Amino acid sequence: MARTHLLWTTAEAAAFLRISPKTLRNWRSMGRGPAYERHAGRRGVFYRPAVVRRWQKDNTWVIDPEARLSAARRTI
C-alpha cells in the first residue's frame, strides 16, 4: 500500500520536481520555488504536495518547435 503524505520533506519535493535537494534549498534561500512551511518542534521545512504541483504547473514552459520555426521563417 502506498504511504500517504500530508507534507513532503525537501528531499521528497525535490524528487518530485526532478531537481537536487540542494537546488531546492538554494531556491528557498533566494525566495524562489514552491511555498514551504516550518513547524514548531519539527526539524526542517515541509512542502504541501498540492502547492508543489501547482508551483510546477505555473512555472513550466512548453516550447512548441513549430512556433519557433514559424518565428525563424518570418525573420528571414
PDB file of N, CA and C in Angstrom:
ATOM      1  N   MET A   1       0.842  -1.173   0.000  1.00  0.00           N
ATOM      2  CA  MET A   1       0.000   0.000   0.000  1.00  0.00           C
ATOM      3  C   MET A   1       0.892   1.243   0.000  1.00  0.00           C
ATOM      4  N   ALA A   2       0.542   2.243  -0.783  1.00  0.00           N
ATOM      5  CA  ALA A   2       1.319   3.477  -0.870  1.00  0.00           C
ATOM      6  C   ALA A   2       1.123   4.307   0.396  1.00  0.00           C
ATOM      7  N   ARG A   3       2.201   4.895   0.820  1.00  0.00           N
ATOM      8  CA  ARG A   3       2.145   5.751   2.002  1.00  0.00           C
ATOM      9  C   ARG A   3       1.612   7.122   1.598  1.00  0.00           C
ATOM     10  N   THR A   4       0.632   7.619   2.305  1.00  0.00           N
ATOM     11  CA  THR A   4       0.042   8.918   2.003  1.00  0.00           C
ATOM     12  C   THR A   4       0.763   9.983   2.816  1.00  0.00           C
ATOM     13  N   HIS A   5       1.280  10.990   2.129  1.00  0.00           N
ATOM     14  CA  HIS A   5       1.993  12.076   2.796  1.00  0.00           C
ATOM     15  C   HIS A   5       1.117  13.324   2.827  1.00  0.00           C
ATOM     16  N   LEU A   6       0.969  13.898   3.990  1.00  0.00           N
ATOM     17  CA  LEU A   6       0.306  15.182   4.088  1.00  0.00           C
ATOM     18  C   LEU A   6       1.294  16.292   3.790  1.00  0.00           C
ATOM     19  N   LEU A   7       2.563  16.074   4.124  1.00  0.00           N
ATOM     20  CA  LEU A   7       3.630  17.030   3.872  1.00  0.00           C
ATOM     21  C   LEU A   7       4.835  16.290   3.298  1.00  0.00           C
ATOM     22  N   TRP A   8       5.565  16.962   2.414  1.00  0.00           N
ATOM     23  CA  TRP A   8       6.788  16.393   1.852  1.00  0.00           C
ATOM     24  C   TRP A   8       7.990  17.056   2.491  1.00  0.00           C
ATOM     25  N   THR A   9       9.045  16.279   2.656  1.00  0.00           N
ATOM     26  CA  THR A   9      10.327  16.828   3.069  1.00  0.00           C
ATOM     27  C   THR A   9      10.961  17.508   1.863  1.00  0.00           C
ATOM     28  N   THR A  10      12.071  18.191   2.103  1.00  0.00           N
ATOM     29  CA  THR A  10      12.804  18.810   0.993  1.00  0.00           C
ATOM     30  C   THR A  10      13.220  17.759  -0.010  1.00  0.00           C
ATOM     31  N   ALA A  11      13.695  16.613   0.456  1.00  0.00           N
ATOM     32  CA  ALA A  11      14.129  15.545  -0.451  1.00  0.00           C
ATOM     33  C   ALA A  11      12.972  15.015  -1.292  1.00  0.00           C
ATOM     34  N   GLU A  12      11.803  14.853  -0.696  1.00  0.00           N
ATOM     35  CA  GLU A  12      10.640  14.352  -1.432  1.00  0.00           C
ATOM     36  C   GLU A  12      10.143  15.367  -2.457  1.00  0.00           C
ATOM     37  N   ALA A  13      10.091  16.639  -2.069  1.00  0.00           N
ATOM     38  CA  ALA A  13       9.659  17.673  -3.013  1.00  0.00           C
ATOM     39  C   ALA A  13      10.659  17.787  -4.161  1.00  0.00           C
ATOM     40  N   ALA A  14      11.943  17.727  -3.855  1.00  0.00           N
ATOM     41  CA  ALA A  14      12.974  17.804  -4.889  1.00  0.00           C
ATOM     42  C   ALA A  14      12.877  16.622  -5.841  1.00  0.00           C
ATOM     43  N   ALA A  15      12.627  15.440  -5.318  1.00  0.00           N
ATOM     44  CA  ALA A  15      12.483  14.258  -6.172  1.00  0.00           C
ATOM     45  C   ALA A  15      11.291  14.420  -7.112  1.00  0.00           C
ATOM     46  N   PHE A  16      10.188  14.946  -6.611  1.00  0.00           N
ATOM     47  CA  PHE A  16       9.018  15.171  -7.455  1.00  0.00           C
ATOM     48  C   PHE A  16       9.341  16.154  -8.573  1.00  0.00           C
ATOM     49  N   LEU A  17      10.087  17.217  -8.242  1.00  0.00           N
ATOM     50  CA  LEU A  17      10.434  18.244  -9.221  1.00  0.00           C
ATOM     51  C   LEU A  17      11.611  17.836 -10.121  1.00  0.00           C
ATOM     52  N   ARG A  18      12.216  16.713  -9.794  1.00  0.00           N
ATOM     53  CA  ARG A  18      13.384  16.198 -10.533  1.00  0.00           C
ATOM     54  C   ARG A  18      14.554  17.167 -10.501  1.00  0.00           C
ATOM     55  N   ILE A  19      14.805  17.678  -9.300  1.00  0.00           N
ATOM     56  CA  ILE A  19      15.967  18.525  -9.051  1.00  0.00           C
ATOM     57  C   ILE A  19      16.649  18.001  -7.797  1.00  0.00           C
ATOM     58  N   SER A  20      17.829  18.488  -7.510  1.00  0.00           N
ATOM     59  CA  SER A  20      18.509  18.042  -6.296  1.00  0.00           C
ATOM     60  C   SER A  20      17.955  18.796  -5.084  1.00  0.00           C
ATOM     61  N   PRO A  21      18.022  18.169  -3.912  1.00  0.00           N
ATOM     62  CA  PRO A  21      17.595  18.871  -2.698  1.00  0.00           C
ATOM     63  C   PRO A  21      18.387  20.165  -2.491  1.00  0.00           C
ATOM     64  N   LYS A  22      19.658  20.169  -2.881  1.00  0.00           N
ATOM     65  CA  LYS A  22      20.473  21.376  -2.739  1.00  0.00           C
ATOM     66  C   LYS A  22      19.904  22.522  -3.583  1.00  0.00           C
ATOM     67  N   THR A  23      19.458  22.217  -4.802  1.00  0.00           N
ATOM     68  CA  THR A  23      18.849  23.244  -5.647  1.00  0.00           C
ATOM     69  C   THR A  23      17.601  23.808  -4.990  1.00  0.00           C
ATOM     70  N   LEU A  24      16.771  22.937  -4.442  1.00  0.00           N
ATOM     71  CA  LEU A  24      15.552  23.393  -3.773  1.00  0.00           C
ATOM     72  C   LEU A  24      15.900  24.257  -2.562  1.00  0.00           C
ATOM     73  N   ARG A  25      16.914  23.866  -1.795  1.00  0.00           N
ATOM     74  CA  ARG A  25      17.345  24.690  -0.656  1.00  0.00           C
ATOM     75  C   ARG A  25      17.857  26.049  -1.135  1.00  0.00           C
ATOM     76  N   ASN A  26      18.615  26.061  -2.227  1.00  0.00           N
ATOM     77  CA  ASN A  26      19.117  27.326  -2.769  1.00  0.00           C
ATOM     78  C   ASN A  26      17.967  28.223  -3.212  1.00  0.00           C
ATOM     79  N   TRP A  27      16.995  27.649  -3.923  1.00  0.00           N
ATOM     80  CA  TRP A  27      15.828  28.420  -4.351  1.00  0.00           C
ATOM     81  C   TRP A  27      15.126  29.021  -3.142  1.00  0.00           C
ATOM     82  N   ARG A  28      14.985  28.203  -2.096  1.00  0.00           N
ATOM     83  CA  ARG A  28      14.293  28.661  -0.887  1.00  0.00           C
ATOM     84  C   ARG A  28      15.031  29.852  -0.274  1.00  0.00           C
ATOM     85  N   SER A  29      16.357  29.796  -0.240  1.00  0.00           N
ATOM     86  CA  SER A  29      17.126  30.891   0.351  1.00  0.00           C
ATOM     87  C   SER A  29      17.055  32.159  -0.498  1.00  0.00           C
ATOM     88  N   MET A  30      16.756  32.016  -1.800  1.00  0.00           N
ATOM     89  CA  MET A  30      16.632  33.168  -2.692  1.00  0.00           C
ATOM     90  C   MET A  30      15.184  33.641  -2.833  1.00  0.00           C
ATOM     91  N   GLY A  31      14.263  32.969  -2.141  1.00  0.00           N
ATOM     92  CA  GLY A  31      12.853  33.353  -2.222  1.00  0.00           C
ATOM     93  C   GLY A  31      12.167  32.828  -3.468  1.00  0.00           C
ATOM     94  N   ARG A  32      12.753  31.820  -4.105  1.00  0.00           N
ATOM     95  CA  ARG A  32      12.157  31.201  -5.294  1.00  0.00           C
ATOM     96  C   ARG A  32      11.607  29.833  -4.900  1.00  0.00           C
ATOM     97  N   GLY A  33      10.983  29.175  -5.839  1.00  0.00           N
ATOM     98  CA  GLY A  33      10.495  27.819  -5.586  1.00  0.00           C
ATOM     99  C   GLY A  33       9.148  27.815  -4.899  1.00  0.00           C
ATOM    100  N   PRO A  34       8.635  26.614  -4.653  1.00  0.00           N
ATOM    101  CA  PRO A  34       7.310  26.499  -4.034  1.00  0.00           C
ATOM    102  C   PRO A  34       7.315  26.955  -2.576  1.00  0.00           C
ATOM    103  N   ALA A  35       6.141  27.368  -2.122  1.00  0.00           N
ATOM    104  CA  ALA A  35       5.987  27.789  -0.725  1.00  0.00           C
ATOM    105  C   ALA A  35       6.253  26.611   0.200  1.00  0.00           C
ATOM    106  N   TYR A  36       6.818  26.906   1.347  1.00  0.00           N
ATOM    107  CA  TYR A  36       7.152  25.875   2.324  1.00  0.00           C
ATOM    108  C   TYR A  36       6.654  26.281   3.697  1.00  0.00           C
ATOM    109  N   GLU A  37       6.715  25.333   4.624  1.00  0.00           N
ATOM    110  CA  GLU A  37       6.252  25.576   5.988  1.00  0.00           C
ATOM    111  C   GLU A  37       7.302  25.101   6.973  1.00  0.00           C
ATOM    112  N   ARG A  38       7.374  25.784   8.076  1.00  0.00           N
ATOM    113  CA  ARG A  38       8.180  25.329   9.219  1.00  0.00           C
ATOM    114  C   ARG A  38       7.197  25.020  10.346  1.00  0.00           C
ATOM    115  N   HIS A  39       7.457  23.940  11.055  1.00  0.00           N
ATOM    116  CA  HIS A  39       6.562  23.549  12.144  1.00  0.00           C
ATOM    117  C   HIS A  39       7.337  23.489  13.448  1.00  0.00           C
ATOM    118  N   ALA A  40       6.796  24.120  14.468  1.00  0.00           N
ATOM    119  CA  ALA A  40       7.434  24.116  15.784  1.00  0.00           C
ATOM    120  C   ALA A  40       7.594  22.679  16.270  1.00  0.00           C
ATOM    121  N   GLY A  41       8.749  22.392  16.790  1.00  0.00           N
ATOM    122  CA  GLY A  41       9.000  21.063  17.327  1.00  0.00           C
ATOM    123  C   GLY A  41       9.429  20.044  16.280  1.00  0.00           C
ATOM    124  N   ARG A  42       9.432  20.432  15.013  1.00  0.00           N
ATOM    125  CA  ARG A  42       9.878  19.526  13.943  1.00  0.00           C
ATOM    126  C   ARG A  42      11.018  20.199  13.199  1.00  0.00           C
ATOM    127  N   ARG A  43      12.048  19.448  12.978  1.00  0.00           N
ATOM    128  CA  ARG A  43      13.228  19.985  12.315  1.00  0.00           C
ATOM    129  C   ARG A  43      13.025  20.048  10.804  1.00  0.00           C
ATOM    130  N   GLY A  44      13.497  21.110  10.191  1.00  0.00           N
ATOM    131  CA  GLY A  44      13.445  21.226   8.736  1.00  0.00           C
ATOM    132  C   GLY A  44      12.213  21.964   8.249  1.00  0.00           C
ATOM    133  N   VAL A  45      12.067  21.961   6.933  1.00  0.00           N
ATOM    134  CA  VAL A  45      10.907  22.591   6.303  1.00  0.00           C
ATOM    135  C   VAL A  45      10.114  21.524   5.572  1.00  0.00           C
ATOM    136  N   PHE A  46       8.866  21.851   5.318  1.00  0.00           N
ATOM    137  CA  PHE A  46       7.970  20.891   4.679  1.00  0.00           C
ATOM    138  C   PHE A  46       7.186  21.572   3.576  1.00  0.00           C
ATOM    139  N   TYR A  47       6.777  20.777   2.610  1.00  0.00           N
ATOM    140  CA  TYR A  47       6.039  21.263   1.448  1.00  0.00           C
ATOM    141  C   TYR A  47       4.719  20.524   1.341  1.00  0.00           C
ATOM    142  N   ARG A  48       3.665  21.230   1.029  1.00  0.00           N
ATOM    143  CA  ARG A  48       2.374  20.589   0.756  1.00  0.00           C
ATOM    144  C   ARG A  48       2.396  20.122  -0.691  1.00  0.00           C
ATOM    145  N   PRO A  49       2.103  18.841  -0.943  1.00  0.00           N
ATOM    146  CA  PRO A  49       2.151  18.318  -2.316  1.00  0.00           C
ATOM    147  C   PRO A  49       1.331  19.136  -3.311  1.00  0.00           C
ATOM    148  N   ALA A  50       0.141  19.572  -2.933  1.00  0.00           N
ATOM    149  CA  ALA A  50      -0.697  20.346  -3.856  1.00  0.00           C
ATOM    150  C   ALA A  50      -0.032  21.669  -4.223  1.00  0.00           C
ATOM    151  N   VAL A  51       0.662  22.278  -3.278  1.00  0.00           N
ATOM    152  CA  VAL A  51       1.348  23.544  -3.534  1.00  0.00           C
ATOM    153  C   VAL A  51       2.527  23.325  -4.478  1.00  0.00           C
ATOM    154  N   VAL A  52       3.253  22.239  -4.273  1.00  0.00           N
ATOM    155  CA  VAL A  52       4.393  21.926  -5.145  1.00  0.00           C
ATOM    156  C   VAL A  52       3.896  21.637  -6.564  1.00  0.00           C
ATOM    157  N   ARG A  53       2.833  20.876  -6.679  1.00  0.00           N
ATOM    158  CA  ARG A  53       2.277  20.569  -8.014  1.00  0.00           C
ATOM    159  C   ARG A  53       1.809  21.840  -8.716  1.00  0.00           C
ATOM    160  N   ARG A  54       1.129  22.723  -7.988  1.00  0.00           N
ATOM    161  CA  ARG A  54       0.647  23.973  -8.564  1.00  0.00           C
ATOM    162  C   ARG A  54       1.833  24.839  -8.993  1.00  0.00           C
ATOM    163  N   TRP A  55       2.862  24.923  -8.151  1.00  0.00           N
ATOM    164  CA  TRP A  55       4.038  25.717  -8.485  1.00  0.00           C
ATOM    165  C   TRP A  55       4.696  25.178  -9.760  1.00  0.00           C
ATOM    166  N   GLN A  56       4.797  23.853  -9.848  1.00  0.00           N
ATOM    167  CA  GLN A  56       5.401  23.245 -11.036  1.00  0.00           C
ATOM    168  C   GLN A  56       4.583  23.583 -12.284  1.00  0.00           C
ATOM    169  N   LYS A  57       3.272  23.476 -12.174  1.00  0.00           N
ATOM    170  CA  LYS A  57       2.399  23.771 -13.317  1.00  0.00           C
ATOM    171  C   LYS A  57       2.535  25.230 -13.744  1.00  0.00           C
ATOM    172  N   ASP A  58       2.566  26.121 -12.772  1.00  0.00           N
ATOM    173  CA  ASP A  58       2.653  27.554 -13.065  1.00  0.00           C
ATOM    174  C   ASP A  58       4.030  27.983 -13.567  1.00  0.00           C
ATOM    175  N   ASN A  59       5.042  27.166 -13.344  1.00  0.00           N
ATOM    176  CA  ASN A  59       6.406  27.534 -13.705  1.00  0.00           C
ATOM    177  C   ASN A  59       7.021  26.607 -14.745  1.00  0.00           C
ATOM    178  N   THR A  60       6.191  25.903 -15.488  1.00  0.00           N
ATOM    179  CA  THR A  60       6.676  25.030 -16.550  1.00  0.00           C
ATOM    180  C   THR A  60       6.381  25.680 -17.888  1.00  0.00           C
ATOM    181  N   TRP A  61       7.395  25.751 -18.711  1.00  0.00           N
ATOM    182  CA  TRP A  61       7.239  26.315 -20.048  1.00  0.00           C
ATOM    183  C   TRP A  61       7.226  25.192 -21.054  1.00  0.00           C
ATOM    184  N   VAL A  62       6.306  25.250 -21.972  1.00  0.00           N
ATOM    185  CA  VAL A  62       6.235  24.285 -23.055  1.00  0.00           C
ATOM    186  C   VAL A  62       6.696  24.995 -24.317  1.00  0.00           C
ATOM    187  N   ILE A  63       7.734  24.469 -24.897  1.00  0.00           N
ATOM    188  CA  ILE A  63       8.275  25.075 -26.107  1.00  0.00           C
ATOM    189  C   ILE A  63       7.737  24.307 -27.301  1.00  0.00           C
ATOM    190  N   ASP A  64       7.034  25.012 -28.149  1.00  0.00           N
ATOM    191  CA  ASP A  64       6.455  24.421 -29.344  1.00  0.00           C
ATOM    192  C   ASP A  64       7.452  24.583 -30.488  1.00  0.00           C
ATOM    193  N   PRO A  65       8.055  23.487 -30.964  1.00  0.00           N
ATOM    194  CA  PRO A  65       9.050  23.605 -32.024  1.00  0.00           C
ATOM    195  C   PRO A  65       8.482  24.232 -33.293  1.00  0.00           C
ATOM    196  N   GLU A  66       7.219  24.002 -33.587  1.00  0.00           N
ATOM    197  CA  GLU A  66       6.602  24.594 -34.780  1.00  0.00           C
ATOM    198  C   GLU A  66       6.527  26.117 -34.666  1.00  0.00           C
ATOM    199  N   ALA A  67       6.216  26.609 -33.488  1.00  0.00           N
ATOM    200  CA  ALA A  67       6.145  28.049 -33.278  1.00  0.00           C
ATOM    201  C   ALA A  67       7.526  28.677 -33.454  1.00  0.00           C
ATOM    202  N   ARG A  68       8.547  27.994 -32.983  1.00  0.00           N
ATOM    203  CA  ARG A  68       9.909  28.515 -33.141  1.00  0.00           C
ATOM    204  C   ARG A  68      10.302  28.560 -34.609  1.00  0.00           C
ATOM    205  N   LEU A  69       9.928  27.525 -35.361  1.00  0.00           N
ATOM    206  CA  LEU A  69      10.246  27.505 -36.794  1.00  0.00           C
ATOM    207  C   LEU A  69       9.514  28.626 -37.527  1.00  0.00           C
ATOM    208  N   SER A  70       8.254  28.843 -37.194  1.00  0.00           N
ATOM    209  CA  SER A  70       7.481  29.904 -37.822  1.00  0.00           C
ATOM    210  C   SER A  70       8.108  31.265 -37.551  1.00  0.00           C
ATOM    211  N   ALA A  71       8.530  31.491 -36.333  1.00  0.00           N
ATOM    212  CA  ALA A  71       9.162  32.759 -35.975  1.00  0.00           C
ATOM    213  C   ALA A  71      10.477  32.935 -36.720  1.00  0.00           C
ATOM    214  N   ALA A  72      11.235  31.863 -36.858  1.00  0.00           N
ATOM    215  CA  ALA A  72      12.507  31.939 -37.570  1.00  0.00           C
ATOM    216  C   ALA A  72      12.282  32.232 -39.043  1.00  0.00           C
ATOM    217  N   ARG A  73      11.251  31.657 -39.631  1.00  0.00           N
ATOM    218  CA  ARG A  73      10.957  31.888 -41.054  1.00  0.00           C
ATOM    219  C   ARG A  73      10.544  33.339 -41.302  1.00  0.00           C
ATOM    220  N   ARG A  74       9.859  33.955 -40.342  1.00  0.00           N
ATOM    221  CA  ARG A  74       9.416  35.338 -40.514  1.00  0.00           C
ATOM    222  C   ARG A  74      10.580  36.314 -40.512  1.00  0.00           C
ATOM    223  N   THR A  75      11.666  35.958 -39.817  1.00  0.00           N
ATOM    224  CA  THR A  75      12.798  36.874 -39.739  1.00  0.00           C
ATOM    225  C   THR A  75      13.740  36.745 -40.926  1.00  0.00           C
ATOM    226  N   ILE A  76      13.526  35.749 -41.755  1.00  0.00           N
ATOM    227  CA  ILE A  76      14.402  35.543 -42.928  1.00  0.00           C
ATOM    228  C   ILE A  76      13.992  36.442 -44.067  1.00  0.00           C
TER     229      ILE A  76
END
